[in-house]
Amino acid sequence: MQISAHSAETLALQILAWLVGNDELLPVFLGASGASEADLRARAAEPEFLGSVLDFLMMDDAWVIQCCDHIGISYELPMQARHMLPGGAQVNWT
């Protein structure tokens, strides 16, 4: 089942909230993305920024598992959500 773009944004916001509450991982995200804490507040409604949150989360399976377990969603949903946000289309090189 494919989720809608609106549902993808809502899920990405939930993941962002989890990330903000994670004292160990938030500094890693800020360092990797170049975002500041002010950027988190200012850009949370931007689908492109939410896509970067999902990209970051999916860099490590352990992060996906921790986040999904905390939120109570299936492990596949972040990837499905990412495909619905700008820049998330799957590329086929064949």
PDB file of N, CA and C in Angstrom:
ATOM      1  N   MET A   1       0.839  -1.183   0.000  1.00  0.00           N
ATOM      2  CA  MET A   1       0.000   0.000   0.000  1.00  0.00           C
ATOM      3  C   MET A   1       0.883   1.244   0.000  1.00  0.00           C
ATOM      4  N   GLN A   2       0.633   2.144  -0.902  1.00  0.00           N
ATOM      5  CA  GLN A   2       1.411   3.373  -1.012  1.00  0.00           C
ATOM      6  C   GLN A   2       0.758   4.455  -0.167  1.00  0.00           C
ATOM      7  N   ILE A   3       1.586   5.219   0.530  1.00  0.00           N
ATOM      8  CA  ILE A   3       1.054   6.294   1.349  1.00  0.00           C
ATOM      9  C   ILE A   3       1.001   7.582   0.535  1.00  0.00           C
ATOM     10  N   SER A   4       0.182   8.528   0.963  1.00  0.00           N
ATOM     11  CA  SER A   4       0.040   9.795   0.258  1.00  0.00           C
ATOM     12  C   SER A   4       1.180  10.741   0.630  1.00  0.00           C
ATOM     13  N   ALA A   5       1.326  11.790  -0.155  1.00  0.00           N
ATOM     14  CA  ALA A   5       2.348  12.796   0.143  1.00  0.00           C
ATOM     15  C   ALA A   5       2.070  13.450   1.492  1.00  0.00           C
ATOM     16  N   HIS A   6       0.807  13.700   1.789  1.00  0.00           N
ATOM     17  CA  HIS A   6       0.446  14.300   3.081  1.00  0.00           C
ATOM     18  C   HIS A   6       0.819  13.369   4.235  1.00  0.00           C
ATOM     19  N   SER A   7       0.522  12.080   4.087  1.00  0.00           N
ATOM     20  CA  SER A   7       0.878  11.102   5.117  1.00  0.00           C
ATOM     21  C   SER A   7       2.386  10.989   5.269  1.00  0.00           C
ATOM     22  N   ALA A   8       3.101  11.107   4.152  1.00  0.00           N
ATOM     23  CA  ALA A   8       4.562  11.052   4.187  1.00  0.00           C
ATOM     24  C   ALA A   8       5.128  12.230   4.981  1.00  0.00           C
ATOM     25  N   GLU A   9       4.569  13.408   4.774  1.00  0.00           N
ATOM     26  CA  GLU A   9       5.022  14.586   5.522  1.00  0.00           C
ATOM     27  C   GLU A   9       4.715  14.435   7.008  1.00  0.00           C
ATOM     28  N   THR A  10       3.531  13.924   7.316  1.00  0.00           N
ATOM     29  CA  THR A  10       3.150  13.720   8.716  1.00  0.00           C
ATOM     30  C   THR A  10       4.097  12.736   9.386  1.00  0.00           C
ATOM     31  N   LEU A  11       4.407  11.641   8.709  1.00  0.00           N
ATOM     32  CA  LEU A  11       5.326  10.651   9.261  1.00  0.00           C
ATOM     33  C   LEU A  11       6.724  11.249   9.437  1.00  0.00           C
ATOM     34  N   ALA A  12       7.185  12.012   8.461  1.00  0.00           N
ATOM     35  CA  ALA A  12       8.502  12.634   8.565  1.00  0.00           C
ATOM     36  C   ALA A  12       8.556  13.609   9.744  1.00  0.00           C
ATOM     37  N   LEU A  13       7.460  14.292  10.017  1.00  0.00           N
ATOM     38  CA  LEU A  13       7.413  15.181  11.187  1.00  0.00           C
ATOM     39  C   LEU A  13       7.500  14.383  12.486  1.00  0.00           C
ATOM     40  N   GLN A  14       6.854  13.226  12.526  1.00  0.00           N
ATOM     41  CA  GLN A  14       6.956  12.357  13.704  1.00  0.00           C
ATOM     42  C   GLN A  14       8.396  11.891  13.890  1.00  0.00           C
ATOM     43  N   ILE A  15       9.039  11.560  12.797  1.00  0.00           N
ATOM     44  CA  ILE A  15      10.428  11.116  12.859  1.00  0.00           C
ATOM     45  C   ILE A  15      11.329  12.271  13.285  1.00  0.00           C
ATOM     46  N   LEU A  16      11.058  13.468  12.788  1.00  0.00           N
ATOM     47  CA  LEU A  16      11.827  14.641  13.213  1.00  0.00           C
ATOM     48  C   LEU A  16      11.661  14.872  14.710  1.00  0.00           C
ATOM     49  N   ALA A  17      10.447  14.725  15.215  1.00  0.00           N
ATOM     50  CA  ALA A  17      10.213  14.887  16.656  1.00  0.00           C
ATOM     51  C   ALA A  17      11.000  13.854  17.447  1.00  0.00           C
ATOM     52  N   TRP A  18      11.039  12.618  16.953  1.00  0.00           N
ATOM     53  CA  TRP A  18      11.835  11.578  17.615  1.00  0.00           C
ATOM     54  C   TRP A  18      13.318  11.959  17.599  1.00  0.00           C
ATOM     55  N   LEU A  19      13.771  12.452  16.465  1.00  0.00           N
ATOM     56  CA  LEU A  19      15.170  12.827  16.313  1.00  0.00           C
ATOM     57  C   LEU A  19      15.540  13.971  17.263  1.00  0.00           C
ATOM     58  N   VAL A  20      14.669  14.965  17.370  1.00  0.00           N
ATOM     59  CA  VAL A  20      14.925  16.103  18.262  1.00  0.00           C
ATOM     60  C   VAL A  20      15.013  15.631  19.717  1.00  0.00           C
ATOM     61  N   GLY A  21      14.249  14.608  20.070  1.00  0.00           N
ATOM     62  CA  GLY A  21      14.279  14.081  21.422  1.00  0.00           C
ATOM     63  C   GLY A  21      15.414  13.110  21.695  1.00  0.00           C
ATOM     64  N   ASN A  22      16.213  12.818  20.684  1.00  0.00           N
ATOM     65  CA  ASN A  22      17.315  11.872  20.828  1.00  0.00           C
ATOM     66  C   ASN A  22      18.612  12.656  21.035  1.00  0.00           C
ATOM     67  N   ASP A  23      19.042  12.745  22.286  1.00  0.00           N
ATOM     68  CA  ASP A  23      20.210  13.565  22.636  1.00  0.00           C
ATOM     69  C   ASP A  23      21.506  13.104  21.972  1.00  0.00           C
ATOM     70  N   GLU A  24      21.610  11.837  21.651  1.00  0.00           N
ATOM     71  CA  GLU A  24      22.827  11.319  21.016  1.00  0.00           C
ATOM     72  C   GLU A  24      22.824  11.536  19.508  1.00  0.00           C
ATOM     73  N   LEU A  25      21.664  11.375  18.884  1.00  0.00           N
ATOM     74  CA  LEU A  25      21.585  11.406  17.428  1.00  0.00           C
ATOM     75  C   LEU A  25      21.355  12.803  16.858  1.00  0.00           C
ATOM     76  N   LEU A  26      20.685  13.667  17.601  1.00  0.00           N
ATOM     77  CA  LEU A  26      20.405  15.009  17.082  1.00  0.00           C
ATOM     78  C   LEU A  26      21.678  15.752  16.693  1.00  0.00           C
ATOM     79  N   PRO A  27      22.728  15.762  17.518  1.00  0.00           N
ATOM     80  CA  PRO A  27      23.950  16.464  17.096  1.00  0.00           C
ATOM     81  C   PRO A  27      24.573  15.869  15.837  1.00  0.00           C
ATOM     82  N   VAL A  28      24.419  14.572  15.649  1.00  0.00           N
ATOM     83  CA  VAL A  28      24.943  13.925  14.444  1.00  0.00           C
ATOM     84  C   VAL A  28      24.174  14.433  13.223  1.00  0.00           C
ATOM     85  N   PHE A  29      22.845  14.518  13.346  1.00  0.00           N
ATOM     86  CA  PHE A  29      22.033  15.037  12.247  1.00  0.00           C
ATOM     87  C   PHE A  29      22.390  16.488  11.950  1.00  0.00           C
ATOM     88  N   LEU A  30      22.502  17.299  12.984  1.00  0.00           N
ATOM     89  CA  LEU A  30      22.831  18.711  12.773  1.00  0.00           C
ATOM     90  C   LEU A  30      24.184  18.859  12.091  1.00  0.00           C
ATOM     91  N   GLY A  31      25.157  18.070  12.516  1.00  0.00           N
ATOM     92  CA  GLY A  31      26.470  18.121  11.897  1.00  0.00           C
ATOM     93  C   GLY A  31      26.463  17.642  10.461  1.00  0.00           C
ATOM     94  N   ALA A  32      25.737  16.571  10.200  1.00  0.00           N
ATOM     95  CA  ALA A  32      25.702  16.000   8.851  1.00  0.00           C
ATOM     96  C   ALA A  32      24.922  16.877   7.876  1.00  0.00           C
ATOM     97  N   SER A  33      23.861  17.511   8.364  1.00  0.00           N
ATOM     98  CA  SER A  33      23.006  18.298   7.481  1.00  0.00           C
ATOM     99  C   SER A  33      23.438  19.753   7.378  1.00  0.00           C
ATOM    100  N   GLY A  34      24.199  20.221   8.367  1.00  0.00           N
ATOM    101  CA  GLY A  34      24.556  21.631   8.401  1.00  0.00           C
ATOM    102  C   GLY A  34      23.431  22.500   8.932  1.00  0.00           C
ATOM    103  N   ALA A  35      22.362  21.872   9.386  1.00  0.00           N
ATOM    104  CA  ALA A  35      21.212  22.610   9.920  1.00  0.00           C
ATOM    105  C   ALA A  35      21.491  23.023  11.360  1.00  0.00           C
ATOM    106  N   SER A  36      20.845  24.089  11.770  1.00  0.00           N
ATOM    107  CA  SER A  36      20.909  24.525  13.158  1.00  0.00           C
ATOM    108  C   SER A  36      19.583  24.165  13.833  1.00  0.00           C
ATOM    109  N   GLU A  37      19.532  24.324  15.133  1.00  0.00           N
ATOM    110  CA  GLU A  37      18.270  24.072  15.826  1.00  0.00           C
ATOM    111  C   GLU A  37      17.195  25.037  15.344  1.00  0.00           C
ATOM    112  N   ALA A  38      17.573  26.263  15.016  1.00  0.00           N
ATOM    113  CA  ALA A  38      16.613  27.227  14.471  1.00  0.00           C
ATOM    114  C   ALA A  38      16.091  26.754  13.111  1.00  0.00           C
ATOM    115  N   ASP A  39      16.964  26.139  12.313  1.00  0.00           N
ATOM    116  CA  ASP A  39      16.539  25.601  11.015  1.00  0.00           C
ATOM    117  C   ASP A  39      15.490  24.508  11.193  1.00  0.00           C
ATOM    118  N   LEU A  40      15.629  23.702  12.237  1.00  0.00           N
ATOM    119  CA  LEU A  40      14.648  22.642  12.477  1.00  0.00           C
ATOM    120  C   LEU A  40      13.255  23.230  12.622  1.00  0.00           C
ATOM    121  N   ARG A  41      13.154  24.312  13.383  1.00  0.00           N
ATOM    122  CA  ARG A  41      11.851  24.953  13.578  1.00  0.00           C
ATOM    123  C   ARG A  41      11.382  25.646  12.301  1.00  0.00           C
ATOM    124  N   ALA A  42      12.281  26.340  11.652  1.00  0.00           N
ATOM    125  CA  ALA A  42      11.908  27.133  10.478  1.00  0.00           C
ATOM    126  C   ALA A  42      11.576  26.282   9.256  1.00  0.00           C
ATOM    127  N   ARG A  43      12.213  25.131   9.135  1.00  0.00           N
ATOM    128  CA  ARG A  43      12.072  24.344   7.906  1.00  0.00           C
ATOM    129  C   ARG A  43      11.257  23.073   8.073  1.00  0.00           C
ATOM    130  N   ALA A  44      10.684  22.864   9.244  1.00  0.00           N
ATOM    131  CA  ALA A  44       9.958  21.618   9.511  1.00  0.00           C
ATOM    132  C   ALA A  44       8.765  21.404   8.578  1.00  0.00           C
ATOM    133  N   ALA A  45       8.237  22.456   8.008  1.00  0.00           N
ATOM    134  CA  ALA A  45       7.088  22.323   7.110  1.00  0.00           C
ATOM    135  C   ALA A  45       7.493  22.139   5.648  1.00  0.00           C
ATOM    136  N   GLU A  46       8.789  22.172   5.361  1.00  0.00           N
ATOM    137  CA  GLU A  46       9.258  22.040   3.976  1.00  0.00           C
ATOM    138  C   GLU A  46       9.447  20.569   3.607  1.00  0.00           C
ATOM    139  N   PRO A  47       8.729  20.095   2.592  1.00  0.00           N
ATOM    140  CA  PRO A  47       8.872  18.698   2.181  1.00  0.00           C
ATOM    141  C   PRO A  47      10.309  18.304   1.845  1.00  0.00           C
ATOM    142  N   GLU A  48      11.084  19.221   1.273  1.00  0.00           N
ATOM    143  CA  GLU A  48      12.474  18.906   0.933  1.00  0.00           C
ATOM    144  C   GLU A  48      13.292  18.643   2.186  1.00  0.00           C
ATOM    145  N   PHE A  49      13.084  19.457   3.220  1.00  0.00           N
ATOM    146  CA  PHE A  49      13.805  19.270   4.472  1.00  0.00           C
ATOM    147  C   PHE A  49      13.381  17.967   5.141  1.00  0.00           C
ATOM    148  N   LEU A  50      12.089  17.682   5.111  1.00  0.00           N
ATOM    149  CA  LEU A  50      11.602  16.431   5.695  1.00  0.00           C
ATOM    150  C   LEU A  50      12.210  15.234   4.970  1.00  0.00           C
ATOM    151  N   GLY A  51      12.407  15.357   3.675  1.00  0.00           N
ATOM    152  CA  GLY A  51      13.083  14.302   2.926  1.00  0.00           C
ATOM    153  C   GLY A  51      14.503  14.085   3.429  1.00  0.00           C
ATOM    154  N   SER A  52      15.190  15.172   3.782  1.00  0.00           N
ATOM    155  CA  SER A  52      16.551  15.027   4.302  1.00  0.00           C
ATOM    156  C   SER A  52      16.557  14.350   5.669  1.00  0.00           C
ATOM    157  N   VAL A  53      15.514  14.573   6.445  1.00  0.00           N
ATOM    158  CA  VAL A  53      15.385  13.883   7.740  1.00  0.00           C
ATOM    159  C   VAL A  53      15.264  12.382   7.509  1.00  0.00           C
ATOM    160  N   LEU A  54      14.433  12.000   6.551  1.00  0.00           N
ATOM    161  CA  LEU A  54      14.260  10.572   6.253  1.00  0.00           C
ATOM    162  C   LEU A  54      15.532   9.980   5.663  1.00  0.00           C
ATOM    163  N   ASP A  55      16.209  10.728   4.796  1.00  0.00           N
ATOM    164  CA  ASP A  55      17.479  10.248   4.244  1.00  0.00           C
ATOM    165  C   ASP A  55      18.474   9.965   5.361  1.00  0.00           C
ATOM    166  N   PHE A  56      18.556  10.873   6.318  1.00  0.00           N
ATOM    167  CA  PHE A  56      19.475  10.692   7.438  1.00  0.00           C
ATOM    168  C   PHE A  56      19.107   9.456   8.251  1.00  0.00           C
ATOM    169  N   LEU A  57      17.847   9.332   8.603  1.00  0.00           N
ATOM    170  CA  LEU A  57      17.407   8.188   9.409  1.00  0.00           C
ATOM    171  C   LEU A  57      17.780   6.879   8.733  1.00  0.00           C
ATOM    172  N   MET A  58      17.578   6.807   7.429  1.00  0.00           N
ATOM    173  CA  MET A  58      17.777   5.550   6.714  1.00  0.00           C
ATOM    174  C   MET A  58      19.245   5.233   6.438  1.00  0.00           C
ATOM    175  N   MET A  59      20.150   6.063   6.926  1.00  0.00           N
ATOM    176  CA  MET A  59      21.577   5.766   6.786  1.00  0.00           C
ATOM    177  C   MET A  59      22.004   4.599   7.667  1.00  0.00           C
ATOM    178  N   ASP A  60      21.220   4.283   8.684  1.00  0.00           N
ATOM    179  CA  ASP A  60      21.608   3.233   9.626  1.00  0.00           C
ATOM    180  C   ASP A  60      20.370   2.424  10.015  1.00  0.00           C
ATOM    181  N   ASP A  61      20.416   1.138   9.755  1.00  0.00           N
ATOM    182  CA  ASP A  61      19.276   0.279  10.082  1.00  0.00           C
ATOM    183  C   ASP A  61      18.919   0.335  11.563  1.00  0.00           C
ATOM    184  N   ALA A  62      19.918   0.477  12.424  1.00  0.00           N
ATOM    185  CA  ALA A  62      19.650   0.537  13.865  1.00  0.00           C
ATOM    186  C   ALA A  62      18.811   1.772  14.202  1.00  0.00           C
ATOM    187  N   TRP A  63      19.085   2.890  13.518  1.00  0.00           N
ATOM    188  CA  TRP A  63      18.295   4.099  13.750  1.00  0.00           C
ATOM    189  C   TRP A  63      16.857   3.888  13.300  1.00  0.00           C
ATOM    190  N   VAL A  64      16.678   3.253  12.148  1.00  0.00           N
ATOM    191  CA  VAL A  64      15.331   2.982  11.640  1.00  0.00           C
ATOM    192  C   VAL A  64      14.572   2.125  12.643  1.00  0.00           C
ATOM    193  N   ILE A  65      15.212   1.091  13.126  1.00  0.00           N
ATOM    194  CA  ILE A  65      14.556   0.186  14.079  1.00  0.00           C
ATOM    195  C   ILE A  65      14.187   0.924  15.357  1.00  0.00           C
ATOM    196  N   GLN A  66      15.133   1.691  15.907  1.00  0.00           N
ATOM    197  CA  GLN A  66      14.847   2.447  17.140  1.00  0.00           C
ATOM    198  C   GLN A  66      13.687   3.411  16.941  1.00  0.00           C
ATOM    199  N   CYS A  67      13.717   4.152  15.856  1.00  0.00           N
ATOM    200  CA  CYS A  67      12.681   5.144  15.587  1.00  0.00           C
ATOM    201  C   CYS A  67      11.319   4.489  15.361  1.00  0.00           C
ATOM    202  N   CYS A  68      11.286   3.492  14.507  1.00  0.00           N
ATOM    203  CA  CYS A  68      10.019   2.835  14.191  1.00  0.00           C
ATOM    204  C   CYS A  68       9.429   2.150  15.417  1.00  0.00           C
ATOM    205  N   ASP A  69      10.274   1.533  16.220  1.00  0.00           N
ATOM    206  CA  ASP A  69       9.790   0.911  17.450  1.00  0.00           C
ATOM    207  C   ASP A  69       9.219   1.962  18.388  1.00  0.00           C
ATOM    208  N   HIS A  70       9.872   3.109  18.484  1.00  0.00           N
ATOM    209  CA  HIS A  70       9.405   4.181  19.363  1.00  0.00           C
ATOM    210  C   HIS A  70       8.060   4.740  18.885  1.00  0.00           C
ATOM    211  N   ILE A  71       7.954   4.973  17.573  1.00  0.00           N
ATOM    212  CA  ILE A  71       6.727   5.552  17.015  1.00  0.00           C
ATOM    213  C   ILE A  71       5.617   4.501  16.905  1.00  0.00           C
ATOM    214  N   GLY A  72       6.011   3.247  16.724  1.00  0.00           N
ATOM    215  CA  GLY A  72       5.033   2.173  16.576  1.00  0.00           C
ATOM    216  C   GLY A  72       4.579   1.967  15.148  1.00  0.00           C
ATOM    217  N   ILE A  73       5.535   2.041  14.221  1.00  0.00           N
ATOM    218  CA  ILE A  73       5.222   1.850  12.800  1.00  0.00           C
ATOM    219  C   ILE A  73       6.082   0.731  12.239  1.00  0.00           C
ATOM    220  N   SER A  74       5.726   0.266  11.051  1.00  0.00           N
ATOM    221  CA  SER A  74       6.523  -0.776  10.409  1.00  0.00           C
ATOM    222  C   SER A  74       7.820  -0.186   9.876  1.00  0.00           C
ATOM    223  N   TYR A  75       8.835  -1.026   9.777  1.00  0.00           N
ATOM    224  CA  TYR A  75      10.158  -0.586   9.364  1.00  0.00           C
ATOM    225  C   TYR A  75      10.202  -0.107   7.909  1.00  0.00           C
ATOM    226  N   GLU A  76       9.232  -0.460   7.115  1.00  0.00           N
ATOM    227  CA  GLU A  76       9.208  -0.073   5.706  1.00  0.00           C
ATOM    228  C   GLU A  76       8.647   1.324   5.486  1.00  0.00           C
ATOM    229  N   LEU A  77       7.904   1.853   6.442  1.00  0.00           N
ATOM    230  CA  LEU A  77       7.226   3.129   6.226  1.00  0.00           C
ATOM    231  C   LEU A  77       8.152   4.317   5.982  1.00  0.00           C
ATOM    232  N   PRO A  78       9.283   4.451   6.654  1.00  0.00           N
ATOM    233  CA  PRO A  78      10.140   5.595   6.318  1.00  0.00           C
ATOM    234  C   PRO A  78      10.584   5.601   4.848  1.00  0.00           C
ATOM    235  N   MET A  79      10.902   4.448   4.300  1.00  0.00           N
ATOM    236  CA  MET A  79      11.294   4.383   2.884  1.00  0.00           C
ATOM    237  C   MET A  79      10.112   4.726   1.980  1.00  0.00           C
ATOM    238  N   GLN A  80       8.943   4.217   2.313  1.00  0.00           N
ATOM    239  CA  GLN A  80       7.757   4.547   1.518  1.00  0.00           C
ATOM    240  C   GLN A  80       7.479   6.043   1.564  1.00  0.00           C
ATOM    241  N   ALA A  81       7.630   6.627   2.744  1.00  0.00           N
ATOM    242  CA  ALA A  81       7.414   8.064   2.888  1.00  0.00           C
ATOM    243  C   ALA A  81       8.451   8.837   2.074  1.00  0.00           C
ATOM    244  N   ARG A  82       9.681   8.376   2.102  1.00  0.00           N
ATOM    245  CA  ARG A  82      10.749   9.075   1.367  1.00  0.00           C
ATOM    246  C   ARG A  82      10.461   9.128  -0.114  1.00  0.00           C
ATOM    247  N   HIS A  83       9.888   8.066  -0.650  1.00  0.00           N
ATOM    248  CA  HIS A  83       9.571   8.028  -2.081  1.00  0.00           C
ATOM    249  C   HIS A  83       8.499   9.048  -2.456  1.00  0.00           C
ATOM    250  N   MET A  84       7.707   9.479  -1.485  1.00  0.00           N
ATOM    251  CA  MET A  84       6.624  10.415  -1.754  1.00  0.00           C
ATOM    252  C   MET A  84       7.045  11.879  -1.618  1.00  0.00           C
ATOM    253  N   LEU A  85       8.220  12.113  -1.079  1.00  0.00           N
ATOM    254  CA  LEU A  85       8.687  13.491  -0.883  1.00  0.00           C
ATOM    255  C   LEU A  85       9.646  13.889  -2.004  1.00  0.00           C
ATOM    256  N   PRO A  86       9.837  15.195  -2.230  1.00  0.00           N
ATOM    257  CA  PRO A  86      10.716  15.644  -3.312  1.00  0.00           C
ATOM    258  C   PRO A  86      12.110  15.036  -3.215  1.00  0.00           C
ATOM    259  N   GLY A  87      12.592  14.553  -4.357  1.00  0.00           N
ATOM    260  CA  GLY A  87      13.916  13.953  -4.430  1.00  0.00           C
ATOM    261  C   GLY A  87      13.949  12.490  -4.039  1.00  0.00           C
ATOM    262  N   GLY A  88      12.793  11.911  -3.760  1.00  0.00           N
ATOM    263  CA  GLY A  88      12.767  10.541  -3.280  1.00  0.00           C
ATOM    264  C   GLY A  88      12.391   9.494  -4.301  1.00  0.00           C
ATOM    265  N   ALA A  89      12.235   9.899  -5.537  1.00  0.00           N
ATOM    266  CA  ALA A  89      11.852   8.934  -6.570  1.00  0.00           C
ATOM    267  C   ALA A  89      12.975   7.917  -6.761  1.00  0.00           C
ATOM    268  N   GLN A  90      12.581   6.671  -6.923  1.00  0.00           N
ATOM    269  CA  GLN A  90      13.570   5.634  -7.170  1.00  0.00           C
ATOM    270  C   GLN A  90      14.133   5.793  -8.575  1.00  0.00           C
ATOM    271  N   VAL A  91      15.428   5.677  -8.682  1.00  0.00           N
ATOM    272  CA  VAL A  91      16.098   5.794  -9.972  1.00  0.00           C
ATOM    273  C   VAL A  91      16.440   4.403 -10.473  1.00  0.00           C
ATOM    274  N   ASN A  92      16.067   4.118 -11.697  1.00  0.00           N
ATOM    275  CA  ASN A  92      16.430   2.855 -12.331  1.00  0.00           C
ATOM    276  C   ASN A  92      17.454   3.152 -13.408  1.00  0.00           C
ATOM    277  N   TRP A  93      18.640   2.575 -13.255  1.00  0.00           N
ATOM    278  CA  TRP A  93      19.742   2.874 -14.156  1.00  0.00           C
ATOM    279  C   TRP A  93      19.811   1.909 -15.340  1.00  0.00           C
ATOM    280  N   THR A  94      18.877   1.014 -15.435  1.00  0.00           N
ATOM    281  CA  THR A  94      18.915   0.060 -16.542  1.00  0.00           C
ATOM    282  C   THR A  94      18.083   0.506 -17.706  1.00  0.00           C
TER     283      THR A  94
END
